[in-house]
Amino acid sequence: MNFEAGIRFILFLVLFGVANYLIMLRRYENDIKKKKFLQQQKISKLYPKGSFIS
């Protein structure tokens, strides 16, 4: 394996890692939004309709 092939392989690993990190970050942020929404729904069921919660 020559030097150029080694550099390309390392570059590929770095780009693959960055892409994977960005995908996982987006998924984590979406999961946080879903959890927050579900928590608000569960809390709203505890109070009667028409009452205002600040």
N, C-alpha and C. Protein backbone atom coordinates (compact mmCIF):
# COMPACT_ATOMS: atom_id res chain seq x y z
N MET A 1 0.86 -1.17 0.00
CA MET A 1 0.00 0.00 0.00
C MET A 1 0.91 1.24 0.00
N ASN A 2 0.73 2.06 -0.99
CA ASN A 2 1.61 3.23 -1.07
C ASN A 2 1.07 4.39 -0.23
N PHE A 3 1.82 5.43 -0.19
CA PHE A 3 1.50 6.58 0.67
C PHE A 3 0.19 7.25 0.26
N GLU A 4 -0.02 7.42 -1.05
CA GLU A 4 -1.23 8.09 -1.53
C GLU A 4 -2.49 7.30 -1.16
N ALA A 5 -2.43 5.99 -1.29
CA ALA A 5 -3.57 5.16 -0.92
C ALA A 5 -3.85 5.25 0.58
N GLY A 6 -2.80 5.33 1.38
CA GLY A 6 -2.99 5.47 2.83
C GLY A 6 -3.66 6.79 3.18
N ILE A 7 -3.24 7.86 2.52
CA ILE A 7 -3.86 9.17 2.77
C ILE A 7 -5.33 9.16 2.36
N ARG A 8 -5.63 8.54 1.21
CA ARG A 8 -7.03 8.46 0.76
C ARG A 8 -7.88 7.67 1.74
N PHE A 9 -7.31 6.58 2.26
CA PHE A 9 -8.05 5.76 3.22
C PHE A 9 -8.34 6.54 4.50
N ILE A 10 -7.35 7.26 4.99
CA ILE A 10 -7.55 8.07 6.20
C ILE A 10 -8.59 9.16 5.94
N LEU A 11 -8.54 9.79 4.79
CA LEU A 11 -9.52 10.82 4.43
C LEU A 11 -10.92 10.22 4.36
N PHE A 12 -11.02 9.02 3.78
CA PHE A 12 -12.32 8.34 3.73
C PHE A 12 -12.85 8.07 5.13
N LEU A 13 -12.00 7.59 6.02
CA LEU A 13 -12.44 7.32 7.39
C LEU A 13 -12.91 8.59 8.10
N VAL A 14 -12.21 9.68 7.88
CA VAL A 14 -12.59 10.95 8.52
C VAL A 14 -13.93 11.42 7.98
N LEU A 15 -14.11 11.39 6.66
CA LEU A 15 -15.38 11.83 6.06
C LEU A 15 -16.54 10.94 6.49
N PHE A 16 -16.30 9.64 6.55
CA PHE A 16 -17.34 8.71 7.00
C PHE A 16 -17.71 8.98 8.45
N GLY A 17 -16.72 9.25 9.28
CA GLY A 17 -16.97 9.55 10.69
C GLY A 17 -17.76 10.83 10.88
N VAL A 18 -17.42 11.86 10.11
CA VAL A 18 -18.13 13.13 10.21
C VAL A 18 -19.58 12.96 9.76
N ALA A 19 -19.80 12.24 8.66
CA ALA A 19 -21.17 12.00 8.19
C ALA A 19 -21.97 11.23 9.23
N ASN A 20 -21.38 10.21 9.82
CA ASN A 20 -22.05 9.42 10.84
C ASN A 20 -22.38 10.28 12.06
N TYR A 21 -21.46 11.14 12.46
CA TYR A 21 -21.70 12.02 13.60
C TYR A 21 -22.87 12.96 13.34
N LEU A 22 -22.92 13.54 12.14
CA LEU A 22 -24.01 14.46 11.82
C LEU A 22 -25.36 13.75 11.78
N ILE A 23 -25.38 12.53 11.26
CA ILE A 23 -26.63 11.77 11.23
C ILE A 23 -27.09 11.45 12.65
N MET A 24 -26.17 11.02 13.50
CA MET A 24 -26.54 10.69 14.88
C MET A 24 -26.96 11.93 15.66
N LEU A 25 -26.33 13.07 15.39
CA LEU A 25 -26.71 14.32 16.06
C LEU A 25 -28.13 14.72 15.68
N ARG A 26 -28.47 14.62 14.40
CA ARG A 26 -29.83 14.94 13.95
C ARG A 26 -30.85 14.01 14.60
N ARG A 27 -30.52 12.74 14.67
CA ARG A 27 -31.42 11.77 15.29
C ARG A 27 -31.60 12.08 16.78
N TYR A 28 -30.52 12.42 17.47
CA TYR A 28 -30.60 12.76 18.89
C TYR A 28 -31.48 13.98 19.11
N GLU A 29 -31.32 15.02 18.27
CA GLU A 29 -32.13 16.22 18.41
C GLU A 29 -33.60 15.92 18.17
N ASN A 30 -33.92 15.08 17.19
CA ASN A 30 -35.31 14.70 16.94
C ASN A 30 -35.89 13.92 18.11
N ASP A 31 -35.10 13.04 18.70
CA ASP A 31 -35.57 12.27 19.86
C ASP A 31 -35.86 13.19 21.05
N ILE A 32 -35.04 14.20 21.25
CA ILE A 32 -35.26 15.16 22.34
C ILE A 32 -36.57 15.92 22.11
N LYS A 33 -36.82 16.34 20.87
CA LYS A 33 -38.06 17.05 20.55
C LYS A 33 -39.28 16.16 20.81
N LYS A 34 -39.19 14.88 20.41
CA LYS A 34 -40.31 13.97 20.62
C LYS A 34 -40.57 13.75 22.11
N LYS A 35 -39.50 13.57 22.89
CA LYS A 35 -39.67 13.37 24.33
C LYS A 35 -40.30 14.59 24.99
N LYS A 36 -39.88 15.78 24.58
CA LYS A 36 -40.43 17.00 25.15
C LYS A 36 -41.91 17.14 24.81
N PHE A 37 -42.27 16.83 23.56
CA PHE A 37 -43.67 16.92 23.14
C PHE A 37 -44.53 15.92 23.91
N LEU A 38 -44.04 14.67 24.05
CA LEU A 38 -44.80 13.66 24.78
C LEU A 38 -44.95 14.03 26.25
N GLN A 39 -43.91 14.64 26.83
CA GLN A 39 -43.98 15.06 28.22
C GLN A 39 -45.04 16.15 28.39
N GLN A 40 -45.08 17.10 27.46
CA GLN A 40 -46.10 18.16 27.53
C GLN A 40 -47.50 17.58 27.38
N GLN A 41 -47.66 16.58 26.51
CA GLN A 41 -48.98 15.96 26.35
C GLN A 41 -49.41 15.25 27.63
N LYS A 42 -48.50 14.53 28.26
CA LYS A 42 -48.83 13.82 29.49
C LYS A 42 -49.19 14.79 30.61
N ILE A 43 -48.46 15.91 30.70
CA ILE A 43 -48.76 16.91 31.73
C ILE A 43 -50.10 17.56 31.45
N SER A 44 -50.41 17.83 30.17
CA SER A 44 -51.67 18.52 29.85
C SER A 44 -52.88 17.64 30.18
N LYS A 45 -52.70 16.32 30.18
CA LYS A 45 -53.82 15.44 30.53
C LYS A 45 -54.16 15.51 32.01
N LEU A 46 -53.26 16.02 32.83
CA LEU A 46 -53.49 16.09 34.27
C LEU A 46 -54.40 17.25 34.65
N TYR A 47 -54.50 18.24 33.76
CA TYR A 47 -55.27 19.45 34.06
C TYR A 47 -56.55 19.47 33.22
N PRO A 48 -57.61 20.09 33.74
CA PRO A 48 -58.86 20.15 32.98
C PRO A 48 -58.70 21.05 31.74
N LYS A 49 -59.53 20.79 30.74
CA LYS A 49 -59.49 21.57 29.51
C LYS A 49 -59.91 23.01 29.79
N GLY A 50 -59.25 23.94 29.08
CA GLY A 50 -59.59 25.35 29.24
C GLY A 50 -58.76 26.05 30.30
N SER A 51 -58.04 25.32 31.12
CA SER A 51 -57.18 25.98 32.11
C SER A 51 -55.87 26.37 31.45
N PHE A 52 -55.29 27.46 31.87
CA PHE A 52 -54.08 27.99 31.25
C PHE A 52 -52.88 27.64 32.13
N ILE A 53 -51.88 27.03 31.52
CA ILE A 53 -50.65 26.69 32.22
C ILE A 53 -49.52 27.51 31.63
N SER A 54 -48.83 28.29 32.48
CA SER A 54 -47.74 29.11 31.96
C SER A 54 -46.41 28.48 32.26
